[in-house]
């Protein structure tokens, strides 16, 4: 009769000993804010979400352990079990991690360990899972990607500078990333052997296994181009842009009953609720038991560009229900034309409706949403990544919605208010039809699909995210693709989303 063998526990060790000198900072680079959060918080959140990771240990630069403890507590990262000071070298930091991992282990017990650079915040769940799976067969695992560049070997000749001595075959060259994954017993043994070498030093852990345990094969898992390391000043800019452009998968509710349980008794205010996406969101939420105030010019006479009318609408909803859980703004105007030929009235309308109105809605909604740990949901357009001719007003105001979302999510995080932004692909709405006329059937995303994804986002714990909704997604428009893969693809084929 076969016995069930329990899977070994898997621990992620976040190596955060860098000082930030190469990016010109006075604080460790892992504490630098990117996309509204410290770099290390993004990294920790990735491992927190990974089903294959049981717990997390952080090795932090000396003197900054309390900073990490505050981040962990505020973000509710429950898998982080220890935050300890790293050593003066990478070797010493790893040795401290190995010692901490061995505490409490029974004799003969082993565990999986993934060492990951804190300043690689764009790690995908796929790479984490592939590393853990590989440890079922191998004792040591590295993550790497092919080198797109030709690698040269040089030698310096005095004041004459460097000269090429060798050009290795690029087809066999790989660029190493992290995580690096091991059986704890293996990496411990490698460091024990290395301790006998008076010249021992290493910049990564796989090299320690390779040199001191040469009989242990090191399996290579395919990494990702966007699993970049924030090391140079330009990396800060690139990482921030990748986060800005990255779409996020909206969590899908498990059943119709789940929607009812989550929405019954809740109050939702929808500006732009007369038609299109706003109307569909309002009807969908109401069908699941929410009290919905769908507001618009043609139905309730509500003009979003008028701050007093926005205040009155929110005050009425709060007065009648005693709460406001969700505020949604889908109101917008699309005016196409050359800026030099656009009159002042058209410019003012676009700015008031597409930019000032969401700002006023956010300001007025804040106090109500702070009471309920609620969410503000805004909308952008796929043209926000690059303005184009004859779209200057629309594209620029939609880009502002992304920045407003990310800024407010950071500003309001301490008060429990979430802010997100939906980025629909070209969508069949009355506003789009008015601007472009009838378009080929099947070429546009349905407003119902956008509404469904919007509801999923409202019911999620996401904040500060741009959620792409794309027609080619097989799940009826709900954004399900891997965030950064989708982001990079989307940059290549942005279209006139409305």
Protein backbone atom coordinates (compact mmCIF):
# COMPACT_ATOMS: atom_id res chain seq x y z
CA UNK A 1 0.00 0.00 0.00
CA UNK A 2 1.63 3.26 -1.15
CA UNK A 3 2.17 6.07 1.32
CA UNK A 4 1.40 9.69 0.52
CA UNK A 5 4.59 11.76 0.41
CA UNK A 6 3.99 15.36 1.42
CA UNK A 7 5.44 18.03 -0.82
CA UNK A 8 8.38 19.91 0.71
CA UNK A 9 7.72 23.40 1.95
CA UNK A 10 8.78 26.13 -0.48
CA UNK A 11 10.28 29.38 0.79
CA UNK A 12 11.10 32.49 -1.23
CA UNK A 13 14.14 34.37 0.02
CA UNK A 14 14.16 37.99 -1.13
CA UNK A 15 17.70 39.33 -1.27
CA UNK A 16 17.49 43.06 -0.60
CA UNK A 17 20.98 44.04 0.46
CA UNK A 18 21.67 46.62 -2.28
CA UNK A 19 22.48 50.20 -1.34
CA UNK A 20 21.24 52.12 -4.37
CA UNK A 21 24.57 53.80 -5.14
CA UNK A 22 24.46 52.88 -8.83
CA UNK A 23 21.11 54.61 -9.31
CA UNK A 24 22.35 57.66 -7.41
CA UNK A 25 20.16 57.22 -4.34
CA UNK A 26 20.70 57.91 -0.67
CA UNK A 27 18.39 55.00 0.20
CA UNK A 28 18.51 51.34 -0.91
CA UNK A 29 17.15 51.02 -4.43
CA UNK A 30 14.64 48.40 -3.28
CA UNK A 31 12.88 51.17 -1.32
CA UNK A 32 12.62 53.41 -4.36
CA UNK A 33 9.01 53.94 -5.41
CA UNK A 34 7.92 52.67 -8.81
CA UNK A 35 4.27 52.83 -9.85
CA UNK A 36 3.30 54.16 -6.43
CA UNK A 37 4.94 51.42 -4.34
CA UNK A 38 8.43 50.56 -3.15
CA UNK A 39 10.18 48.23 -5.59
CA UNK A 40 10.42 45.52 -2.93
CA UNK A 41 6.68 45.72 -2.23
CA UNK A 42 5.94 44.83 -5.86
CA UNK A 43 8.38 41.93 -5.57
CA UNK A 44 6.93 40.66 -2.30
CA UNK A 45 3.38 40.95 -3.64
CA UNK A 46 4.30 38.70 -6.57
CA UNK A 47 5.46 35.92 -4.24
CA UNK A 48 2.52 36.53 -1.88
CA UNK A 49 0.16 35.73 -4.76
CA UNK A 50 2.06 32.61 -5.88
CA UNK A 51 0.21 29.43 -4.90
CA UNK A 52 3.47 27.47 -5.06
CA UNK A 53 5.14 29.63 -2.37
CA UNK A 54 4.46 28.81 1.29
CA UNK A 55 6.40 31.54 3.04
CA UNK A 56 8.82 34.42 2.44
CA UNK A 57 12.00 35.58 4.19
CA UNK A 58 13.54 38.99 3.49
CA UNK A 59 17.27 39.71 3.86
CA UNK A 60 17.45 43.51 4.07
CA UNK A 61 20.29 45.98 4.03
CA UNK A 62 21.53 46.76 7.58
CA UNK A 63 19.59 49.55 9.24
CA UNK A 64 16.49 49.22 7.07
CA UNK A 65 14.72 46.21 8.59
CA UNK A 66 12.04 48.43 10.24
CA UNK A 67 11.22 49.97 6.84
CA UNK A 68 10.46 46.53 5.42
CA UNK A 69 8.45 45.53 8.47
CA UNK A 70 6.27 48.62 7.98
CA UNK A 71 5.74 47.81 4.29
CA UNK A 72 4.83 44.20 5.11
CA UNK A 73 2.36 45.23 7.82
CA UNK A 74 0.70 47.95 5.75
CA UNK A 75 0.37 45.76 2.65
CA UNK A 76 -0.91 42.76 4.63
CA UNK A 77 1.74 40.39 3.26
CA UNK A 78 0.92 37.38 5.39
CA UNK A 79 3.49 35.01 3.87
CA UNK A 80 6.44 37.11 5.08
CA UNK A 81 7.60 35.32 8.24
CA UNK A 82 11.02 36.90 8.84
CA UNK A 83 12.83 40.11 7.98
CA UNK A 84 16.51 39.92 8.96
CA UNK A 85 19.62 41.92 8.21
CA UNK A 86 21.75 40.77 5.31
CA UNK A 87 25.51 40.54 5.41
CA UNK A 88 28.23 42.78 4.02
CA UNK A 89 28.58 40.52 0.94
CA UNK A 90 26.21 38.44 -1.20
CA UNK A 91 27.86 35.28 0.15
CA UNK A 92 27.31 36.29 3.76
CA UNK A 93 23.69 37.25 3.06
CA UNK A 94 22.96 33.84 1.53
CA UNK A 95 24.65 32.11 4.47
CA UNK A 96 22.39 34.00 6.89
CA UNK A 97 19.37 32.95 4.86
CA UNK A 98 20.46 29.30 4.90
CA UNK A 99 20.86 29.43 8.68
CA UNK A 100 17.40 30.96 9.10
CA UNK A 101 15.83 28.38 6.80
CA UNK A 102 17.32 25.54 8.82
CA UNK A 103 15.73 26.66 12.07
CA UNK A 104 12.99 24.31 13.22
CA UNK A 105 13.60 21.67 10.55
CA UNK A 106 13.44 18.08 11.73
CA UNK A 107 16.44 15.82 11.11
CA UNK A 108 16.44 14.69 7.49
CA UNK A 109 13.76 17.21 6.52
CA UNK A 110 14.40 19.27 3.40
CA UNK A 111 12.70 22.20 1.76
CA UNK A 112 12.70 24.13 -1.51
CA UNK A 113 14.18 27.62 -1.53
CA UNK A 114 14.00 30.31 -4.22
CA UNK A 115 16.53 33.15 -3.97
CA UNK A 116 15.28 36.26 -5.77
CA UNK A 117 16.65 39.77 -6.19
CA UNK A 118 14.38 42.31 -4.52
CA UNK A 119 15.00 44.70 -7.41
CA UNK A 120 13.44 42.39 -10.00
CA UNK A 121 9.81 43.46 -9.41
CA UNK A 122 8.43 42.32 -12.79
CA UNK A 123 8.74 38.59 -12.14
CA UNK A 124 5.90 36.49 -13.55
CA UNK A 125 3.94 33.74 -11.81
CA UNK A 126 4.91 31.43 -14.67
CA UNK A 127 8.62 31.63 -13.84
CA UNK A 128 7.97 31.02 -10.13
CA UNK A 129 5.84 27.97 -10.87
CA UNK A 130 8.35 26.60 -13.40
CA UNK A 131 11.14 26.85 -10.82
CA UNK A 132 9.14 25.02 -8.16
CA UNK A 133 8.10 22.33 -10.63
CA UNK A 134 11.72 21.86 -11.74
CA UNK A 135 12.74 21.21 -8.12
CA UNK A 136 10.63 18.06 -8.21
CA UNK A 137 13.35 16.58 -10.42
CA UNK A 138 16.48 18.69 -9.96
CA UNK A 139 18.42 19.93 -6.93
CA UNK A 140 19.48 23.25 -8.47
CA UNK A 141 17.65 25.50 -10.94
CA UNK A 142 18.61 28.75 -12.64
CA UNK A 143 16.51 31.18 -14.70
CA UNK A 144 17.96 32.59 -17.91
CA UNK A 145 17.10 34.08 -21.30
CA UNK A 146 18.97 33.98 -24.63
CA UNK A 147 21.34 36.86 -25.30
CA UNK A 148 20.16 39.11 -28.10
CA UNK A 149 23.49 40.93 -28.04
CA UNK A 150 26.83 39.65 -29.24
CA UNK A 151 29.03 39.09 -26.19
CA UNK A 152 32.71 39.98 -26.47
CA UNK A 153 35.63 39.15 -24.20
CA UNK A 154 38.19 41.95 -23.83
CA UNK A 155 41.55 42.64 -22.32
CA UNK A 156 42.90 46.02 -21.28
CA UNK A 157 46.25 47.14 -22.66
CA UNK A 158 47.41 50.01 -20.47
CA UNK A 159 46.35 53.46 -21.62
CA UNK A 160 45.29 52.12 -25.03
CA UNK A 161 42.02 50.80 -23.56
CA UNK A 162 40.20 47.52 -24.26
CA UNK A 163 40.65 45.13 -27.14
CA UNK A 164 38.61 42.07 -28.15
CA UNK A 165 40.23 38.74 -27.38
CA UNK A 166 37.30 36.42 -28.01
CA UNK A 167 33.72 36.41 -29.34
CA UNK A 168 31.87 33.39 -27.90
CA UNK A 169 29.15 31.59 -29.86
CA UNK A 170 26.02 33.57 -29.02
CA UNK A 171 23.72 30.59 -29.55
CA UNK A 172 25.05 29.03 -26.34
CA UNK A 173 25.07 32.21 -24.25
CA UNK A 174 22.32 33.04 -21.78
CA UNK A 175 21.67 36.00 -19.51
CA UNK A 176 21.10 34.86 -15.95
CA UNK A 177 18.15 36.15 -13.94
CA UNK A 178 16.52 35.16 -10.67
CA UNK A 179 14.97 33.28 -8.92
CA UNK A 180 17.67 30.68 -8.43
CA UNK A 181 16.07 27.64 -6.83
CA UNK A 182 17.56 24.82 -4.77
CA UNK A 183 16.91 22.03 -2.39
CA UNK A 184 17.99 23.57 0.92
CA UNK A 185 20.29 20.60 1.61
CA UNK A 186 22.07 21.21 -1.71
CA UNK A 187 22.77 24.91 -1.36
CA UNK A 188 23.76 24.40 2.28
CA UNK A 189 26.26 21.71 1.31
CA UNK A 190 27.69 23.91 -1.47
CA UNK A 191 28.36 26.72 0.98
CA UNK A 192 29.86 24.31 3.52
CA UNK A 193 32.36 23.10 0.91
CA UNK A 194 33.02 26.67 -0.25
CA UNK A 195 33.84 27.71 3.33
CA UNK A 196 37.07 25.68 3.00
CA UNK A 197 38.24 27.84 0.09
CA UNK A 198 40.14 30.91 1.38
CA UNK A 199 39.50 32.69 -1.94
CA UNK A 200 35.76 32.01 -2.01
CA UNK A 201 33.52 34.75 -3.33
CA UNK A 202 30.51 34.64 -5.61
CA UNK A 203 27.92 37.03 -7.00
CA UNK A 204 25.22 34.39 -7.37
CA UNK A 205 24.33 31.06 -5.81
CA UNK A 206 24.27 28.79 -8.87
CA UNK A 207 27.97 29.54 -9.40
CA UNK A 208 28.64 28.22 -5.88
CA UNK A 209 26.92 24.92 -6.70
CA UNK A 210 28.64 24.75 -10.10
CA UNK A 211 32.11 25.22 -8.60
CA UNK A 212 31.86 23.32 -5.33
CA UNK A 213 29.31 20.61 -6.22
CA UNK A 214 30.29 19.91 -9.84
CA UNK A 215 28.35 16.64 -9.94
CA UNK A 216 25.01 18.42 -9.30
CA UNK A 217 23.33 19.37 -12.60
CA UNK A 218 21.83 22.87 -12.70
CA UNK A 219 18.63 22.93 -14.72
CA UNK A 220 17.75 26.11 -16.64
CA UNK A 221 14.20 27.50 -16.68
CA UNK A 222 13.25 30.01 -19.39
CA UNK A 223 13.06 33.52 -17.97
CA UNK A 224 11.37 36.63 -19.33
CA UNK A 225 12.77 39.71 -21.05
CA UNK A 226 10.76 41.93 -18.72
CA UNK A 227 12.14 40.25 -15.56
CA UNK A 228 14.64 43.11 -15.48
CA UNK A 229 16.88 44.16 -12.63
CA UNK A 230 16.62 47.78 -11.46
CA UNK A 231 20.31 48.63 -11.27
CA UNK A 232 21.03 51.67 -13.45
CA UNK A 233 19.16 55.01 -13.52
CA UNK A 234 17.55 54.13 -16.87
CA UNK A 235 16.15 50.93 -15.32
CA UNK A 236 14.05 53.00 -12.93
CA UNK A 237 12.40 54.77 -15.85
CA UNK A 238 11.86 51.58 -17.86
CA UNK A 239 10.38 49.67 -14.91
CA UNK A 240 8.05 52.53 -14.09
CA UNK A 241 6.84 52.63 -17.69
CA UNK A 242 6.31 48.87 -17.77
CA UNK A 243 4.19 49.10 -14.64
CA UNK A 244 2.23 51.99 -16.12
CA UNK A 245 1.52 50.11 -19.34
CA UNK A 246 0.93 46.73 -17.73
CA UNK A 247 -2.59 45.46 -17.69
CA UNK A 248 -3.80 43.38 -14.79
CA UNK A 249 -6.09 40.38 -14.83
CA UNK A 250 -9.38 41.13 -13.13
CA UNK A 251 -10.30 38.38 -10.65
CA UNK A 252 -13.27 36.44 -11.89
CA UNK A 253 -16.06 35.68 -9.42
CA UNK A 254 -16.73 32.00 -8.94
CA UNK A 255 -20.49 32.07 -9.45
CA UNK A 256 -23.59 34.15 -9.96
CA UNK A 257 -24.31 33.69 -6.26
CA UNK A 258 -20.92 35.20 -5.42
CA UNK A 259 -21.87 38.39 -7.26
CA UNK A 260 -25.12 38.57 -5.30
CA UNK A 261 -23.42 38.05 -1.97
CA UNK A 262 -20.84 40.73 -2.69
CA UNK A 263 -23.23 43.34 -4.11
CA UNK A 264 -26.39 42.94 -2.05
CA UNK A 265 -26.72 45.91 0.26
CA UNK A 266 -24.01 47.93 -1.51
CA UNK A 267 -24.49 51.34 -3.11
CA UNK A 268 -23.02 52.22 -6.50
CA UNK A 269 -23.06 55.62 -8.20
CA UNK A 270 -22.44 55.60 -11.96
CA UNK A 271 -21.73 58.86 -13.76
CA UNK A 272 -22.32 58.46 -17.47
CA UNK A 273 -24.95 55.85 -16.72
CA UNK A 274 -27.44 56.90 -19.38
CA UNK A 275 -26.12 54.60 -22.11
CA UNK A 276 -23.24 52.42 -23.24
CA UNK A 277 -20.81 50.95 -20.73
CA UNK A 278 -22.15 52.99 -17.82
CA UNK A 279 -25.73 51.84 -18.40
CA UNK A 280 -24.61 48.21 -18.70
CA UNK A 281 -22.63 48.39 -15.43
CA UNK A 282 -25.59 49.92 -13.63
CA UNK A 283 -28.03 47.28 -14.86
CA UNK A 284 -25.61 44.44 -14.11
CA UNK A 285 -24.90 45.60 -10.56
CA UNK A 286 -28.59 46.21 -9.90
CA UNK A 287 -29.44 42.69 -11.09
CA UNK A 288 -27.15 41.35 -8.34
CA UNK A 289 -28.80 43.34 -5.58
CA UNK A 290 -26.87 46.61 -5.44
CA UNK A 291 -28.63 49.94 -5.07
CA UNK A 292 -27.50 51.84 -8.14
CA UNK A 293 -27.73 55.51 -9.04
CA UNK A 294 -27.24 55.73 -12.81
CA UNK A 295 -26.72 59.38 -13.65
CA UNK A 296 -26.50 61.11 -17.01
CA UNK A 297 -27.49 64.18 -18.97
CA UNK A 298 -30.27 62.53 -20.93
CA UNK A 299 -31.82 60.65 -18.00
CA UNK A 300 -31.30 62.48 -14.72
CA UNK A 301 -30.05 65.79 -16.13
CA UNK A 302 -26.71 65.36 -14.32
CA UNK A 303 -23.83 67.26 -15.88
CA UNK A 304 -20.52 65.81 -14.67
CA UNK A 305 -18.71 69.02 -15.57
CA UNK A 306 -20.75 70.82 -12.90
CA UNK A 307 -19.19 70.19 -9.45
CA UNK A 308 -22.37 71.17 -7.63
CA UNK A 309 -24.40 68.56 -9.50
CA UNK A 310 -21.78 65.91 -8.74
CA UNK A 311 -21.85 66.84 -5.04
CA UNK A 312 -25.65 66.76 -4.97
CA UNK A 313 -25.83 63.36 -6.67
CA UNK A 314 -23.40 61.77 -4.21
CA UNK A 315 -25.04 63.43 -1.24
CA UNK A 316 -28.47 62.13 -2.34
CA UNK A 317 -27.21 58.57 -2.74
CA UNK A 318 -25.54 58.68 0.66
CA UNK A 319 -28.55 60.26 2.32
CA UNK A 320 -30.92 57.59 1.01
CA UNK A 321 -28.76 54.51 1.59
CA UNK A 322 -26.31 55.59 4.30
CA UNK A 323 -23.29 54.46 2.29
CA UNK A 324 -21.47 54.63 -1.04
CA UNK A 325 -19.29 51.65 -1.93
CA UNK A 326 -18.47 52.24 -5.56
CA UNK A 327 -18.23 55.34 -7.74
CA UNK A 328 -17.87 54.78 -11.48
CA UNK A 329 -17.26 57.43 -14.13
CA UNK A 330 -17.77 56.43 -17.77
CA UNK A 331 -18.82 59.92 -18.93
CA UNK A 332 -16.74 61.31 -21.76
CA UNK A 333 -16.79 63.17 -25.05
CA UNK A 334 -14.86 62.30 -28.22
CA UNK A 335 -14.02 65.21 -30.47
CA UNK A 336 -11.77 64.45 -33.45
CA UNK A 337 -10.04 67.16 -35.44
CA UNK A 338 -6.92 69.26 -35.84
CA UNK A 339 -6.21 71.34 -32.76
CA UNK A 340 -5.49 74.51 -34.73
CA UNK A 341 -8.94 74.26 -36.29
CA UNK A 342 -10.80 73.49 -33.04
CA UNK A 343 -12.83 76.29 -31.45
CA UNK A 344 -12.55 77.30 -27.79
CA UNK A 345 -15.95 75.89 -26.85
CA UNK A 346 -14.99 72.40 -28.08
CA UNK A 347 -11.65 72.53 -26.25
CA UNK A 348 -13.30 73.64 -23.01
CA UNK A 349 -15.95 70.91 -23.26
CA UNK A 350 -13.34 68.19 -23.78
CA UNK A 351 -11.26 69.38 -20.84
CA UNK A 352 -14.22 69.85 -18.53
CA UNK A 353 -15.89 66.50 -19.26
CA UNK A 354 -12.84 64.29 -19.82
CA UNK A 355 -10.48 65.71 -17.21
CA UNK A 356 -11.94 68.18 -14.72
CA UNK A 357 -15.10 66.12 -14.16
CA UNK A 358 -13.23 62.96 -13.04
CA UNK A 359 -11.07 65.13 -10.77
CA UNK A 360 -14.17 66.67 -9.17
CA UNK A 361 -15.88 63.28 -8.89
CA UNK A 362 -12.83 61.85 -7.16
CA UNK A 363 -12.59 64.77 -4.74
CA UNK A 364 -16.29 64.60 -3.87
CA UNK A 365 -16.41 60.80 -3.62
CA UNK A 366 -13.39 60.41 -1.35
CA UNK A 367 -15.11 60.99 2.00
CA UNK A 368 -17.85 58.49 1.20
CA UNK A 369 -15.51 55.80 -0.12
CA UNK A 370 -13.22 56.20 2.90
CA UNK A 371 -16.12 55.10 5.13
CA UNK A 372 -16.69 51.86 3.23
CA UNK A 373 -13.16 51.01 1.98
CA UNK A 374 -14.73 51.54 -1.41
CA UNK A 375 -13.44 52.01 -4.93
CA UNK A 376 -13.35 54.69 -7.60
CA UNK A 377 -13.31 53.33 -11.15
CA UNK A 378 -12.18 55.51 -14.07
CA UNK A 379 -11.81 54.83 -17.79
CA UNK A 380 -9.04 55.50 -20.25
CA UNK A 381 -8.50 54.73 -23.93
CA UNK A 382 -5.91 52.57 -25.65
CA UNK A 383 -4.67 55.78 -27.30
CA UNK A 384 -3.30 56.95 -23.94
CA UNK A 385 0.15 55.46 -24.61
CA UNK A 386 0.81 57.71 -27.58
CA UNK A 387 -1.13 60.75 -28.77
CA UNK A 388 -1.89 60.90 -32.47
CA UNK A 389 -2.91 63.46 -35.01
CA UNK A 390 -6.49 64.72 -34.58
CA UNK A 391 -6.77 62.98 -31.17
CA UNK A 392 -4.78 65.49 -29.16
CA UNK A 393 -7.57 66.43 -26.75
CA UNK A 394 -8.96 62.94 -26.29
CA UNK A 395 -5.66 61.09 -26.00
CA UNK A 396 -4.11 63.61 -23.62
CA UNK A 397 -7.08 63.62 -21.25
CA UNK A 398 -7.21 59.81 -21.29
CA UNK A 399 -3.50 59.65 -20.46
CA UNK A 400 -4.30 61.92 -17.54
CA UNK A 401 -6.81 59.34 -16.26
CA UNK A 402 -4.02 56.76 -15.96
CA UNK A 403 -1.81 59.13 -14.01
CA UNK A 404 -4.75 60.24 -11.86
CA UNK A 405 -5.56 56.61 -11.06
CA UNK A 406 -2.02 55.75 -10.06
CA UNK A 407 -1.54 58.93 -8.02
CA UNK A 408 -4.82 58.62 -6.11
CA UNK A 409 -4.35 54.91 -5.43
CA UNK A 410 -1.12 55.79 -3.67
CA UNK A 411 -2.56 58.86 -1.96
CA UNK A 412 -5.62 57.03 -0.66
CA UNK A 413 -4.10 53.63 0.10
CA UNK A 414 -3.75 54.43 3.80
CA UNK A 415 -7.48 55.15 4.00
CA UNK A 416 -8.47 51.88 2.32
CA UNK A 417 -9.84 53.54 -0.83
CA UNK A 418 -9.01 51.72 -4.06
CA UNK A 419 -8.72 53.41 -7.46
CA UNK A 420 -8.49 51.56 -10.77
CA UNK A 421 -8.78 52.35 -14.46
CA UNK A 422 -10.37 50.31 -17.26
CA UNK A 423 -8.75 50.46 -20.70
CA UNK A 424 -11.23 49.06 -23.25
CA UNK A 425 -10.26 48.18 -26.77
CA UNK A 426 -12.46 49.76 -29.46
CA UNK A 427 -15.94 49.32 -28.03
CA UNK A 428 -19.39 49.50 -29.57
CA UNK A 429 -20.91 52.50 -27.78
CA UNK A 430 -23.21 55.30 -28.95
CA UNK A 431 -20.31 57.76 -28.50
CA UNK A 432 -18.14 55.77 -30.88
CA UNK A 433 -20.92 55.33 -33.42
CA UNK A 434 -21.51 59.09 -33.38
CA UNK A 435 -17.81 59.71 -34.07
CA UNK A 436 -17.11 56.95 -36.62
CA UNK A 437 -20.46 55.80 -37.94
CA UNK A 438 -21.33 52.13 -38.40
CA UNK A 439 -18.32 49.80 -38.37
CA UNK A 440 -18.02 46.15 -39.51
CA UNK A 441 -19.89 43.69 -37.33
CA UNK A 442 -17.62 41.81 -34.97
CA UNK A 443 -14.81 44.38 -35.17
CA UNK A 444 -15.69 46.01 -31.86
CA UNK A 445 -15.78 44.86 -28.26
CA UNK A 446 -19.25 44.77 -26.73
CA UNK A 447 -20.07 47.25 -23.97
CA UNK A 448 -21.53 44.34 -21.96
CA UNK A 449 -18.10 42.63 -21.89
CA UNK A 450 -16.48 45.83 -20.61
CA UNK A 451 -19.20 46.16 -17.98
CA UNK A 452 -18.63 42.59 -16.74
CA UNK A 453 -14.89 43.15 -16.37
CA UNK A 454 -15.59 46.50 -14.66
CA UNK A 455 -17.74 44.71 -12.10
CA UNK A 456 -14.99 42.15 -11.47
CA UNK A 457 -12.52 44.95 -10.84
CA UNK A 458 -14.89 46.74 -8.47
CA UNK A 459 -15.27 43.54 -6.43
CA UNK A 460 -11.52 42.88 -6.32
CA UNK A 461 -8.79 44.13 -3.99
CA UNK A 462 -6.86 45.67 -6.88
CA UNK A 463 -5.77 49.29 -6.66
CA UNK A 464 -3.66 51.49 -8.91
CA UNK A 465 -4.05 49.21 -11.92
CA UNK A 466 -4.89 49.72 -15.57
CA UNK A 467 -7.00 46.77 -16.71
CA UNK A 468 -7.02 46.09 -20.44
CA UNK A 469 -10.18 44.62 -21.93
CA UNK A 470 -9.45 43.15 -25.32
CA UNK A 471 -11.75 41.58 -27.88
CA UNK A 472 -9.43 38.71 -28.78
CA UNK A 473 -9.47 37.48 -25.18
CA UNK A 474 -11.32 34.13 -25.30
CA UNK A 475 -13.06 34.81 -21.99
CA UNK A 476 -15.66 37.21 -23.41
CA UNK A 477 -13.60 40.32 -22.90
CA UNK A 478 -12.61 39.90 -19.26
CA UNK A 479 -8.93 40.75 -19.00
CA UNK A 480 -7.24 37.41 -18.31
CA UNK A 481 -3.86 37.52 -20.09
CA UNK A 482 -0.62 37.72 -18.15
CA UNK A 483 -0.15 41.36 -17.26
CA UNK A 484 3.27 42.21 -18.65
CA UNK A 485 3.01 39.92 -21.68
CA UNK A 486 -0.25 41.63 -22.52
CA UNK A 487 1.23 45.06 -21.85
CA UNK A 488 4.14 44.55 -24.22
CA UNK A 489 1.87 43.17 -26.94
CA UNK A 490 -0.61 45.98 -26.43
CA UNK A 491 2.05 48.65 -26.94
CA UNK A 492 2.57 47.26 -30.45
CA UNK A 493 -1.04 47.35 -31.55
CA UNK A 494 -2.83 50.13 -29.66
CA UNK A 495 -5.95 51.21 -31.52
CA UNK A 496 -8.56 53.91 -31.14
CA UNK A 497 -10.25 52.63 -28.00
CA UNK A 498 -13.41 54.48 -26.98
